[in-house]
PDB file of N, CA and C in Angstrom:
ATOM      1  N   MET A   1     -22.227-205.851 -61.296  1.00  0.00           N
ATOM      2  CA  MET A   1     -21.133-205.934 -62.240  1.00  0.00           C
ATOM      3  C   MET A   1     -21.110-204.636 -63.048  1.00  0.00           C
ATOM      4  N   ASN A   2     -19.971-203.986 -63.077  1.00  0.00           N
ATOM      5  CA  ASN A   2     -19.778-202.773 -63.856  1.00  0.00           C
ATOM      6  C   ASN A   2     -18.977-203.083 -65.106  1.00  0.00           C
ATOM      7  N   PHE A   3     -19.426-202.548 -66.233  1.00  0.00           N
ATOM      8  CA  PHE A   3     -18.670-202.741 -67.449  1.00  0.00           C
ATOM      9  C   PHE A   3     -18.973-201.625 -68.442  1.00  0.00           C
ATOM     10  N   ASP A   4     -18.066-201.419 -69.385  1.00  0.00           N
ATOM     11  CA  ASP A   4     -18.221-200.419 -70.413  1.00  0.00           C
ATOM     12  C   ASP A   4     -18.821-201.076 -71.650  1.00  0.00           C
ATOM     13  N   TYR A   5     -19.722-200.329 -72.296  1.00  0.00           N
ATOM     14  CA  TYR A   5     -20.336-200.789 -73.528  1.00  0.00           C
ATOM     15  C   TYR A   5     -20.535-199.578 -74.410  1.00  0.00           C
ATOM     16  N   ARG A   6     -19.825-199.525 -75.500  1.00  0.00           N
ATOM     17  CA  ARG A   6     -19.831-198.394 -76.422  1.00  0.00           C
ATOM     18  C   ARG A   6     -19.524-197.120 -75.638  1.00  0.00           C
ATOM     19  N   GLN A   7     -20.329-196.079 -75.726  1.00  0.00           N
ATOM     20  CA  GLN A   7     -20.030-194.865 -74.981  1.00  0.00           C
ATOM     21  C   GLN A   7     -20.704-194.839 -73.618  1.00  0.00           C
ATOM     22  N   PHE A   8     -21.184-196.000 -73.176  1.00  0.00           N
ATOM     23  CA  PHE A   8     -21.896-196.114 -71.910  1.00  0.00           C
ATOM     24  C   PHE A   8     -21.078-196.882 -70.880  1.00  0.00           C
ATOM     25  N   GLN A   9     -21.375-196.622 -69.623  1.00  0.00           N
ATOM     26  CA  GLN A   9     -20.900-197.452 -68.541  1.00  0.00           C
ATOM     27  C   GLN A   9     -22.151-198.044 -67.887  1.00  0.00           C
ATOM     28  N   ILE A  10     -22.120-199.340 -67.684  1.00  0.00           N
ATOM     29  CA  ILE A  10     -23.296-200.050 -67.170  1.00  0.00           C
ATOM     30  C   ILE A  10     -22.979-200.632 -65.806  1.00  0.00           C
ATOM     31  N   GLU A  11     -23.937-200.448 -64.911  1.00  0.00           N
ATOM     32  CA  GLU A  11     -23.878-201.064 -63.571  1.00  0.00           C
ATOM     33  C   GLU A  11     -25.053-202.027 -63.495  1.00  0.00           C
ATOM     34  N   ALA A  12     -24.802-203.315 -63.606  1.00  0.00           N
ATOM     35  CA  ALA A  12     -25.859-204.339 -63.544  1.00  0.00           C
ATOM     36  C   ALA A  12     -25.743-205.051 -62.200  1.00  0.00           C
ATOM     37  N   PHE A  13     -26.872-205.167 -61.508  1.00  0.00           N
ATOM     38  CA  PHE A  13     -26.831-205.745 -60.156  1.00  0.00           C
ATOM     39  C   PHE A  13     -28.198-206.326 -59.806  1.00  0.00           C
ATOM     40  N   CYS A  14     -28.286-206.922 -58.636  1.00  0.00           N
ATOM     41  CA  CYS A  14     -29.562-207.450 -58.197  1.00  0.00           C
ATOM     42  C   CYS A  14     -29.835-207.018 -56.770  1.00  0.00           C
ATOM     43  N   LEU A  15     -31.073-206.987 -56.438  1.00  0.00           N
ATOM     44  CA  LEU A  15     -31.522-206.726 -55.077  1.00  0.00           C
ATOM     45  C   LEU A  15     -32.102-208.035 -54.549  1.00  0.00           C
ATOM     46  N   GLU A  16     -31.564-208.528 -53.456  1.00  0.00           N
ATOM     47  CA  GLU A  16     -32.075-209.755 -52.851  1.00  0.00           C
ATOM     48  C   GLU A  16     -33.045-209.369 -51.741  1.00  0.00           C
ATOM     49  N   GLU A  17     -34.240-209.916 -51.838  1.00  0.00           N
ATOM     50  CA  GLU A  17     -35.256-209.609 -50.845  1.00  0.00           C
ATOM     51  C   GLU A  17     -36.179-210.803 -50.671  1.00  0.00           C
ATOM     52  N   GLY A  18     -36.188-211.379 -49.482  1.00  0.00           N
ATOM     53  CA  GLY A  18     -37.094-212.465 -49.181  1.00  0.00           C
ATOM     54  C   GLY A  18     -36.913-213.691 -50.052  1.00  0.00           C
ATOM     55  N   GLY A  19     -35.661-214.007 -50.429  1.00  0.00           N
ATOM     56  CA  GLY A  19     -35.387-215.164 -51.263  1.00  0.00           C
ATOM     57  C   GLY A  19     -35.603-214.922 -52.739  1.00  0.00           C
ATOM     58  N   HIS A  20     -35.900-213.700 -53.117  1.00  0.00           N
ATOM     59  CA  HIS A  20     -36.086-213.329 -54.516  1.00  0.00           C
ATOM     60  C   HIS A  20     -34.952-212.439 -54.948  1.00  0.00           C
ATOM     61  N   TYR A  21     -34.595-212.508 -56.211  1.00  0.00           N
ATOM     62  CA  TYR A  21     -33.512-211.707 -56.778  1.00  0.00           C
ATOM     63  C   TYR A  21     -34.074-210.842 -57.890  1.00  0.00           C
ATOM     64  N   TYR A  22     -34.041-209.558 -57.683  1.00  0.00           N
ATOM     65  CA  TYR A  22     -34.607-208.595 -58.644  1.00  0.00           C
ATOM     66  C   TYR A  22     -33.487-207.958 -59.443  1.00  0.00           C
ATOM     67  N   ALA A  23     -33.594-208.046 -60.774  1.00  0.00           N
ATOM     68  CA  ALA A  23     -32.585-207.489 -61.665  1.00  0.00           C
ATOM     69  C   ALA A  23     -32.779-205.967 -61.757  1.00  0.00           C
ATOM     70  N   ARG A  24     -31.634-205.268 -61.745  1.00  0.00           N
ATOM     71  CA  ARG A  24     -31.658-203.816 -61.849  1.00  0.00           C
ATOM     72  C   ARG A  24     -30.415-203.352 -62.610  1.00  0.00           C
ATOM     73  N   ALA A  25     -30.522-202.183 -63.224  1.00  0.00           N
ATOM     74  CA  ALA A  25     -29.364-201.642 -63.952  1.00  0.00           C
ATOM     75  C   ALA A  25     -29.388-200.118 -63.929  1.00  0.00           C
ATOM     76  N   LYS A  26     -28.205-199.549 -63.928  1.00  0.00           N
ATOM     77  CA  LYS A  26     -28.023-198.111 -64.114  1.00  0.00           C
ATOM     78  C   LYS A  26     -27.097-197.930 -65.315  1.00  0.00           C
ATOM     79  N   ILE A  27     -27.427-196.964 -66.141  1.00  0.00           N
ATOM     80  CA  ILE A  27     -26.637-196.699 -67.319  1.00  0.00           C
ATOM     81  C   ILE A  27     -26.139-195.268 -67.244  1.00  0.00           C
ATOM     82  N   PHE A  28     -24.852-195.104 -67.513  1.00  0.00           N
ATOM     83  CA  PHE A  28     -24.215-193.805 -67.495  1.00  0.00           C
ATOM     84  C   PHE A  28     -23.623-193.534 -68.874  1.00  0.00           C
ATOM     85  N   ARG A  29     -23.685-192.293 -69.313  1.00  0.00           N
ATOM     86  CA  ARG A  29     -23.078-191.903 -70.591  1.00  0.00           C
ATOM     87  C   ARG A  29     -21.771-191.203 -70.293  1.00  0.00           C
ATOM     88  N   ARG A  30     -20.729-191.629 -70.979  1.00  0.00           N
ATOM     89  CA  ARG A  30     -19.428-190.984 -70.833  1.00  0.00           C
ATOM     90  C   ARG A  30     -19.236-189.966 -71.961  1.00  0.00           C
ATOM     91  N   ALA A  31     -18.940-188.764 -71.607  1.00  0.00           N
ATOM     92  CA  ALA A  31     -18.646-187.734 -72.592  1.00  0.00           C
ATOM     93  C   ALA A  31     -17.239-187.943 -73.120  1.00  0.00           C
ATOM     94  N   GLN A  32     -17.013-187.678 -74.395  1.00  0.00           N
ATOM     95  CA  GLN A  32     -15.669-187.830 -74.944  1.00  0.00           C
ATOM     96  C   GLN A  32     -14.713-186.901 -74.245  1.00  0.00           C
ATOM     97  N   GLY A  33     -13.570-187.475 -73.849  1.00  0.00           N
ATOM     98  CA  GLY A  33     -12.533-186.697 -73.187  1.00  0.00           C
ATOM     99  C   GLY A  33     -12.826-186.372 -71.737  1.00  0.00           C
ATOM    100  N   ASP A  34     -13.951-186.830 -71.228  1.00  0.00           N
ATOM    101  CA  ASP A  34     -14.356-186.553 -69.854  1.00  0.00           C
ATOM    102  C   ASP A  34     -14.418-187.868 -69.090  1.00  0.00           C
ATOM    103  N   MET A  35     -13.719-187.952 -67.981  1.00  0.00           N
ATOM    104  CA  MET A  35     -13.715-189.187 -67.193  1.00  0.00           C
ATOM    105  C   MET A  35     -14.983-189.335 -66.374  1.00  0.00           C
ATOM    106  N   ASN A  36     -15.729-188.249 -66.170  1.00  0.00           N
ATOM    107  CA  ASN A  36     -16.970-188.313 -65.415  1.00  0.00           C
ATOM    108  C   ASN A  36     -18.100-188.786 -66.297  1.00  0.00           C
ATOM    109  N   ALA A  37     -18.992-189.533 -65.721  1.00  0.00           N
ATOM    110  CA  ALA A  37     -20.140-190.036 -66.471  1.00  0.00           C
ATOM    111  C   ALA A  37     -21.411-189.573 -65.768  1.00  0.00           C
ATOM    112  N   SER A  38     -22.450-189.287 -66.549  1.00  0.00           N
ATOM    113  CA  SER A  38     -23.693-188.885 -65.956  1.00  0.00           C
ATOM    114  C   SER A  38     -24.764-189.963 -66.209  1.00  0.00           C
ATOM    115  N   GLU A  39     -25.579-190.209 -65.192  1.00  0.00           N
ATOM    116  CA  GLU A  39     -26.621-191.228 -65.301  1.00  0.00           C
ATOM    117  C   GLU A  39     -27.661-190.818 -66.313  1.00  0.00           C
ATOM    118  N   VAL A  40     -28.008-191.738 -67.195  1.00  0.00           N
ATOM    119  CA  VAL A  40     -28.997-191.462 -68.217  1.00  0.00           C
ATOM    120  C   VAL A  40     -30.224-192.353 -68.115  1.00  0.00           C
ATOM    121  N   LYS A  41     -30.103-193.483 -67.440  1.00  0.00           N
ATOM    122  CA  LYS A  41     -31.237-194.401 -67.343  1.00  0.00           C
ATOM    123  C   LYS A  41     -31.107-195.274 -66.118  1.00  0.00           C
ATOM    124  N   TRP A  42     -32.211-195.422 -65.398  1.00  0.00           N
ATOM    125  CA  TRP A  42     -32.328-196.315 -64.269  1.00  0.00           C
ATOM    126  C   TRP A  42     -33.451-197.289 -64.604  1.00  0.00           C
ATOM    127  N   SER A  43     -33.180-198.577 -64.475  1.00  0.00           N
ATOM    128  CA  SER A  43     -34.141-199.557 -64.933  1.00  0.00           C
ATOM    129  C   SER A  43     -35.335-199.760 -64.011  1.00  0.00           C
ATOM    130  N   GLY A  44     -35.143-199.566 -62.717  1.00  0.00           N
ATOM    131  CA  GLY A  44     -36.143-200.056 -61.780  1.00  0.00           C
ATOM    132  C   GLY A  44     -36.032-201.592 -61.747  1.00  0.00           C
ATOM    133  N   ASP A  45     -37.004-202.251 -61.207  1.00  0.00           N
ATOM    134  CA  ASP A  45     -36.985-203.723 -61.156  1.00  0.00           C
ATOM    135  C   ASP A  45     -37.309-204.275 -62.564  1.00  0.00           C
ATOM    136  N   ILE A  46     -36.407-205.076 -63.094  1.00  0.00           N
ATOM    137  CA  ILE A  46     -36.598-205.665 -64.429  1.00  0.00           C
ATOM    138  C   ILE A  46     -37.358-206.962 -64.337  1.00  0.00           C
ATOM    139  N   GLY A  47     -37.114-207.699 -63.284  1.00  0.00           N
ATOM    140  CA  GLY A  47     -37.792-209.004 -63.127  1.00  0.00           C
ATOM    141  C   GLY A  47     -37.301-209.718 -61.910  1.00  0.00           C
ATOM    142  N   ASP A  48     -37.959-210.806 -61.561  1.00  0.00           N
ATOM    143  CA  ASP A  48     -37.665-211.651 -60.389  1.00  0.00           C
ATOM    144  C   ASP A  48     -37.035-212.938 -60.892  1.00  0.00           C
ATOM    145  N   TYR A  49     -35.840-213.257 -60.360  1.00  0.00           N
ATOM    146  CA  TYR A  49     -35.077-214.412 -60.862  1.00  0.00           C
ATOM    147  C   TYR A  49     -34.714-215.360 -59.706  1.00  0.00           C
ATOM    148  N   ARG A  50     -34.340-216.581 -60.092  1.00  0.00           N
ATOM    149  CA  ARG A  50     -34.048-217.641 -59.127  1.00  0.00           C
ATOM    150  C   ARG A  50     -32.722-217.462 -58.416  1.00  0.00           C
ATOM    151  N   SER A  51     -31.795-216.758 -59.048  1.00  0.00           N
ATOM    152  CA  SER A  51     -30.453-216.592 -58.437  1.00  0.00           C
ATOM    153  C   SER A  51     -29.932-215.196 -58.722  1.00  0.00           C
ATOM    154  N   ASP A  52     -28.946-214.824 -57.949  1.00  0.00           N
ATOM    155  CA  ASP A  52     -28.363-213.494 -58.184  1.00  0.00           C
ATOM    156  C   ASP A  52     -27.656-213.462 -59.543  1.00  0.00           C
ATOM    157  N   ALA A  53     -27.050-214.558 -59.960  1.00  0.00           N
ATOM    158  CA  ALA A  53     -26.371-214.600 -61.265  1.00  0.00           C
ATOM    159  C   ALA A  53     -27.368-214.418 -62.395  1.00  0.00           C
ATOM    160  N   ASP A  54     -28.528-215.057 -62.304  1.00  0.00           N
ATOM    161  CA  ASP A  54     -29.556-214.916 -63.338  1.00  0.00           C
ATOM    162  C   ASP A  54     -30.066-213.476 -63.389  1.00  0.00           C
ATOM    163  N   ALA A  55     -30.212-212.849 -62.227  1.00  0.00           N
ATOM    164  CA  ALA A  55     -30.697-211.473 -62.177  1.00  0.00           C
ATOM    165  C   ALA A  55     -29.697-210.516 -62.794  1.00  0.00           C
ATOM    166  N   VAL A  56     -28.420-210.690 -62.474  1.00  0.00           N
ATOM    167  CA  VAL A  56     -27.400-209.808 -63.022  1.00  0.00           C
ATOM    168  C   VAL A  56     -27.293-210.000 -64.537  1.00  0.00           C
ATOM    169  N   GLU A  57     -27.386-211.225 -65.002  1.00  0.00           N
ATOM    170  CA  GLU A  57     -27.336-211.516 -66.444  1.00  0.00           C
ATOM    171  C   GLU A  57     -28.516-210.823 -67.147  1.00  0.00           C
ATOM    172  N   ALA A  58     -29.693-210.876 -66.563  1.00  0.00           N
ATOM    173  CA  ALA A  58     -30.863-210.230 -67.168  1.00  0.00           C
ATOM    174  C   ALA A  58     -30.686-208.718 -67.173  1.00  0.00           C
ATOM    175  N   ALA A  59     -30.128-208.159 -66.121  1.00  0.00           N
ATOM    176  CA  ALA A  59     -29.875-206.732 -66.084  1.00  0.00           C
ATOM    177  C   ALA A  59     -28.882-206.314 -67.158  1.00  0.00           C
ATOM    178  N   GLN A  60     -27.860-207.114 -67.374  1.00  0.00           N
ATOM    179  CA  GLN A  60     -26.872-206.847 -68.419  1.00  0.00           C
ATOM    180  C   GLN A  60     -27.536-206.854 -69.790  1.00  0.00           C
ATOM    181  N   ARG A  61     -28.360-207.864 -70.065  1.00  0.00           N
ATOM    182  CA  ARG A  61     -29.027-207.948 -71.372  1.00  0.00           C
ATOM    183  C   ARG A  61     -29.943-206.727 -71.581  1.00  0.00           C
ATOM    184  N   TRP A  62     -30.692-206.379 -70.556  1.00  0.00           N
ATOM    185  CA  TRP A  62     -31.616-205.238 -70.652  1.00  0.00           C
ATOM    186  C   TRP A  62     -30.822-203.970 -70.949  1.00  0.00           C
ATOM    187  N   ALA A  63     -29.733-203.733 -70.241  1.00  0.00           N
ATOM    188  CA  ALA A  63     -28.936-202.508 -70.410  1.00  0.00           C
ATOM    189  C   ALA A  63     -28.325-202.456 -71.796  1.00  0.00           C
ATOM    190  N   ILE A  64     -27.789-203.539 -72.297  1.00  0.00           N
ATOM    191  CA  ILE A  64     -27.173-203.559 -73.620  1.00  0.00           C
ATOM    192  C   ILE A  64     -28.248-203.266 -74.676  1.00  0.00           C
ATOM    193  N   GLN A  65     -29.426-203.853 -74.522  1.00  0.00           N
ATOM    194  CA  GLN A  65     -30.505-203.601 -75.478  1.00  0.00           C
ATOM    195  C   GLN A  65     -30.904-202.129 -75.440  1.00  0.00           C
ATOM    196  N   TRP A  66     -30.983-201.552 -74.252  1.00  0.00           N
ATOM    197  CA  TRP A  66     -31.327-200.143 -74.133  1.00  0.00           C
ATOM    198  C   TRP A  66     -30.276-199.275 -74.797  1.00  0.00           C
ATOM    199  N   CYS A  67     -29.017-199.563 -74.539  1.00  0.00           N
ATOM    200  CA  CYS A  67     -27.915-198.793 -75.121  1.00  0.00           C
ATOM    201  C   CYS A  67     -27.924-198.877 -76.643  1.00  0.00           C
ATOM    202  N   ASP A  68     -28.193-200.054 -77.186  1.00  0.00           N
ATOM    203  CA  ASP A  68     -28.233-200.207 -78.632  1.00  0.00           C
ATOM    204  C   ASP A  68     -29.310-199.321 -79.271  1.00  0.00           C
ATOM    205  N   GLY A  69     -30.382-199.108 -78.557  1.00  0.00           N
ATOM    206  CA  GLY A  69     -31.455-198.266 -79.081  1.00  0.00           C
ATOM    207  C   GLY A  69     -31.294-196.778 -78.814  1.00  0.00           C
ATOM    208  N   HIS A  70     -30.300-196.406 -77.995  1.00  0.00           N
ATOM    209  CA  HIS A  70     -30.104-194.999 -77.621  1.00  0.00           C
ATOM    210  C   HIS A  70     -28.678-194.546 -77.793  1.00  0.00           C
ATOM    211  N   GLU A  71     -28.036-195.053 -78.778  1.00  0.00           N
ATOM    212  CA  GLU A  71     -26.614-194.804 -78.978  1.00  0.00           C
ATOM    213  C   GLU A  71     -26.322-193.329 -79.318  1.00  0.00           C
ATOM    214  N   HIS A  72     -27.173-192.651 -79.974  1.00  0.00           N
ATOM    215  CA  HIS A  72     -26.876-191.293 -80.405  1.00  0.00           C
ATOM    216  C   HIS A  72     -27.500-190.278 -79.527  1.00  0.00           C
TER     217      HIS A  72
END
């Protein structure tokens, strides 16, 4: 799931492997007046979840929390 949050663009997704769903996120910073965004953070595996929806939700929460702490 891709969404904008403050000056960031977040890509929250999961990797399904062997019946496990691993939460992952990529965070991009958008420069003012520039449509291109550059990657600023890659989460790696955040955790193992029971469903793809749970994994994506966890990735979203992690990314928002990271963005809140790195806004400037």
